[in-house]
């Protein structure tokens, strides 16, 4: 159910990309209390992006999940920004995160919806 998309202007080689995907998947599952078998993560490196008129390292994340509690977003932001700093050397002040709560009937899987 949870889907995390990470877009960044940073180059991420194949080895680091796999490590980032695995770490992000575990983090999302742990924080949301959802089985990791339902977590999907995508990384889009080398995206042409600027923020505050600068092409210094930056990242834009989208996290969508069924039942995403608004009260959890501050903690999610903290942990996801920490992940971007540790794995991509992107400072937290250069990370934007969009959170979205998906209604069950708007999330498809296995030819049906949740």
C-alpha atoms as a PDB file:
ATOM      1  CA  UNK A   1       0.000   0.000   0.000  1.00  0.00           C
ATOM      2  CA  UNK A   2       2.592   2.611   0.893  1.00  0.00           C
ATOM      3  CA  UNK A   3       4.395   4.091  -2.088  1.00  0.00           C
ATOM      4  CA  UNK A   4       7.443   6.304  -1.707  1.00  0.00           C
ATOM      5  CA  UNK A   5       8.890   8.113  -4.718  1.00  0.00           C
ATOM      6  CA  UNK A   6      12.246   9.848  -4.348  1.00  0.00           C
ATOM      7  CA  UNK A   7      13.337  12.331  -6.992  1.00  0.00           C
ATOM      8  CA  UNK A   8      16.745  13.925  -6.679  1.00  0.00           C
ATOM      9  CA  UNK A   9      19.263  15.828  -8.723  1.00  0.00           C
ATOM     10  CA  UNK A  10      21.994  13.669  -7.176  1.00  0.00           C
ATOM     11  CA  UNK A  11      23.689  10.891  -9.117  1.00  0.00           C
ATOM     12  CA  UNK A  12      23.121   7.540  -7.426  1.00  0.00           C
ATOM     13  CA  UNK A  13      25.182   4.621  -8.709  1.00  0.00           C
ATOM     14  CA  UNK A  14      23.602   1.156  -8.878  1.00  0.00           C
ATOM     15  CA  UNK A  15      25.019  -0.115  -5.573  1.00  0.00           C
ATOM     16  CA  UNK A  16      23.958   2.956  -3.605  1.00  0.00           C
ATOM     17  CA  UNK A  17      20.576   2.945  -5.350  1.00  0.00           C
ATOM     18  CA  UNK A  18      19.826  -0.572  -4.130  1.00  0.00           C
ATOM     19  CA  UNK A  19      20.950   0.331  -0.607  1.00  0.00           C
ATOM     20  CA  UNK A  20      18.716   3.417  -0.654  1.00  0.00           C
ATOM     21  CA  UNK A  21      15.713   1.437  -1.911  1.00  0.00           C
ATOM     22  CA  UNK A  22      16.129  -1.205   0.789  1.00  0.00           C
ATOM     23  CA  UNK A  23      16.658   1.351   3.576  1.00  0.00           C
ATOM     24  CA  UNK A  24      13.678   3.445   2.447  1.00  0.00           C
ATOM     25  CA  UNK A  25      11.417   0.397   2.214  1.00  0.00           C
ATOM     26  CA  UNK A  26      12.304  -0.723   5.744  1.00  0.00           C
ATOM     27  CA  UNK A  27      11.898   2.800   7.116  1.00  0.00           C
ATOM     28  CA  UNK A  28       8.438   3.295   5.605  1.00  0.00           C
ATOM     29  CA  UNK A  29       7.253  -0.136   6.778  1.00  0.00           C
ATOM     30  CA  UNK A  30       8.579   0.413  10.306  1.00  0.00           C
ATOM     31  CA  UNK A  31       7.221   3.907  10.778  1.00  0.00           C
ATOM     32  CA  UNK A  32       3.806   3.178   9.277  1.00  0.00           C
ATOM     33  CA  UNK A  33       3.544  -0.217  10.957  1.00  0.00           C
ATOM     34  CA  UNK A  34       2.744  -1.887   7.635  1.00  0.00           C
ATOM     35  CA  UNK A  35       4.153  -5.151   6.294  1.00  0.00           C
ATOM     36  CA  UNK A  36       7.140  -4.471   4.074  1.00  0.00           C
ATOM     37  CA  UNK A  37       5.727  -6.860   1.477  1.00  0.00           C
ATOM     38  CA  UNK A  38       3.229  -4.092   0.587  1.00  0.00           C
ATOM     39  CA  UNK A  39       5.744  -1.214   0.429  1.00  0.00           C
ATOM     40  CA  UNK A  40       6.857   0.078  -2.975  1.00  0.00           C
ATOM     41  CA  UNK A  41       9.758   2.518  -3.386  1.00  0.00           C
ATOM     42  CA  UNK A  42      11.054   4.231  -6.528  1.00  0.00           C
ATOM     43  CA  UNK A  43      14.193   6.329  -6.903  1.00  0.00           C
ATOM     44  CA  UNK A  44      14.618   8.760  -9.773  1.00  0.00           C
ATOM     45  CA  UNK A  45      18.200  10.095  -9.671  1.00  0.00           C
ATOM     46  CA  UNK A  46      19.814  12.655 -11.953  1.00  0.00           C
ATOM     47  CA  UNK A  47      16.592  14.665 -12.354  1.00  0.00           C
ATOM     48  CA  UNK A  48      17.099  18.208 -13.605  1.00  0.00           C
ATOM     49  CA  UNK A  49      15.880  20.194 -10.603  1.00  0.00           C
ATOM     50  CA  UNK A  50      16.532  23.453  -8.802  1.00  0.00           C
ATOM     51  CA  UNK A  51      15.349  24.711  -5.441  1.00  0.00           C
ATOM     52  CA  UNK A  52      15.720  28.289  -4.212  1.00  0.00           C
ATOM     53  CA  UNK A  53      17.364  29.100  -7.555  1.00  0.00           C
ATOM     54  CA  UNK A  54      20.171  26.612  -6.824  1.00  0.00           C
ATOM     55  CA  UNK A  55      21.064  23.215  -8.222  1.00  0.00           C
ATOM     56  CA  UNK A  56      22.805  22.201  -4.989  1.00  0.00           C
ATOM     57  CA  UNK A  57      21.791  18.687  -3.828  1.00  0.00           C
ATOM     58  CA  UNK A  58      18.038  18.426  -3.297  1.00  0.00           C
ATOM     59  CA  UNK A  59      15.246  15.868  -3.156  1.00  0.00           C
ATOM     60  CA  UNK A  60      11.489  15.762  -3.590  1.00  0.00           C
ATOM     61  CA  UNK A  61       9.609  12.859  -2.016  1.00  0.00           C
ATOM     62  CA  UNK A  62       6.025  11.687  -2.317  1.00  0.00           C
ATOM     63  CA  UNK A  63       4.643   9.262   0.262  1.00  0.00           C
ATOM     64  CA  UNK A  64       1.178   7.864  -0.352  1.00  0.00           C
ATOM     65  CA  UNK A  65      -0.518   5.311   1.852  1.00  0.00           C
ATOM     66  CA  UNK A  66      -3.914   4.041   2.858  1.00  0.00           C
ATOM     67  CA  UNK A  67      -4.753   5.304   6.328  1.00  0.00           C
ATOM     68  CA  UNK A  68      -1.867   7.774   6.537  1.00  0.00           C
ATOM     69  CA  UNK A  69      -2.369   9.537   9.856  1.00  0.00           C
ATOM     70  CA  UNK A  70      -1.816  13.307   9.675  1.00  0.00           C
ATOM     71  CA  UNK A  71      -0.343  13.178  13.161  1.00  0.00           C
ATOM     72  CA  UNK A  72       2.432  10.900  11.864  1.00  0.00           C
ATOM     73  CA  UNK A  73       3.675  13.227   9.124  1.00  0.00           C
ATOM     74  CA  UNK A  74       6.032  15.263  11.317  1.00  0.00           C
ATOM     75  CA  UNK A  75       7.871  12.127  12.437  1.00  0.00           C
ATOM     76  CA  UNK A  76       7.875  10.774   8.905  1.00  0.00           C
ATOM     77  CA  UNK A  77       9.353  14.032   7.658  1.00  0.00           C
ATOM     78  CA  UNK A  78      12.116  13.891  10.253  1.00  0.00           C
ATOM     79  CA  UNK A  79      13.064  10.298   9.417  1.00  0.00           C
ATOM     80  CA  UNK A  80      12.826  10.686   5.657  1.00  0.00           C
ATOM     81  CA  UNK A  81      14.937  13.853   5.730  1.00  0.00           C
ATOM     82  CA  UNK A  82      17.499  12.031   7.860  1.00  0.00           C
ATOM     83  CA  UNK A  83      17.546   9.231   5.276  1.00  0.00           C
ATOM     84  CA  UNK A  84      18.154  11.753   2.468  1.00  0.00           C
ATOM     85  CA  UNK A  85      20.988  13.356   4.444  1.00  0.00           C
ATOM     86  CA  UNK A  86      22.648  10.046   5.317  1.00  0.00           C
ATOM     87  CA  UNK A  87      22.248   8.287   1.960  1.00  0.00           C
ATOM     88  CA  UNK A  88      22.362  11.167  -0.537  1.00  0.00           C
ATOM     89  CA  UNK A  89      24.058  13.994   1.379  1.00  0.00           C
ATOM     90  CA  UNK A  90      21.006  16.195   0.802  1.00  0.00           C
ATOM     91  CA  UNK A  91      20.498  18.615   3.706  1.00  0.00           C
ATOM     92  CA  UNK A  92      17.048  18.484   5.331  1.00  0.00           C
ATOM     93  CA  UNK A  93      16.390  22.098   4.363  1.00  0.00           C
ATOM     94  CA  UNK A  94      16.636  21.037   0.691  1.00  0.00           C
ATOM     95  CA  UNK A  95      14.028  18.278   0.924  1.00  0.00           C
ATOM     96  CA  UNK A  96      10.320  18.683   0.230  1.00  0.00           C
ATOM     97  CA  UNK A  97       7.922  15.843   1.053  1.00  0.00           C
ATOM     98  CA  UNK A  98       4.335  15.495  -0.104  1.00  0.00           C
ATOM     99  CA  UNK A  99       2.157  13.214   2.018  1.00  0.00           C
ATOM    100  CA  UNK A 100      -1.111  11.763   0.685  1.00  0.00           C
ATOM    101  CA  UNK A 101      -3.719   9.593   2.365  1.00  0.00           C
ATOM    102  CA  UNK A 102      -5.263   7.310  -0.248  1.00  0.00           C
ATOM    103  CA  UNK A 103      -8.833   6.089   0.232  1.00  0.00           C
ATOM    104  CA  UNK A 104      -9.023   2.274   0.030  1.00  0.00           C
ATOM    105  CA  UNK A 105     -11.298   2.343  -2.998  1.00  0.00           C
ATOM    106  CA  UNK A 106      -8.728   4.489  -4.860  1.00  0.00           C
ATOM    107  CA  UNK A 107      -5.828   2.034  -4.449  1.00  0.00           C
ATOM    108  CA  UNK A 108      -5.802  -0.989  -6.738  1.00  0.00           C
ATOM    109  CA  UNK A 109      -4.005  -4.293  -6.277  1.00  0.00           C
ATOM    110  CA  UNK A 110      -4.381  -7.785  -7.710  1.00  0.00           C
ATOM    111  CA  UNK A 111      -7.235  -6.726  -9.985  1.00  0.00           C
ATOM    112  CA  UNK A 112      -9.263  -5.235  -7.131  1.00  0.00           C
ATOM    113  CA  UNK A 113      -8.987  -2.457  -4.557  1.00  0.00           C
ATOM    114  CA  UNK A 114      -8.197  -2.469  -0.879  1.00  0.00           C
END
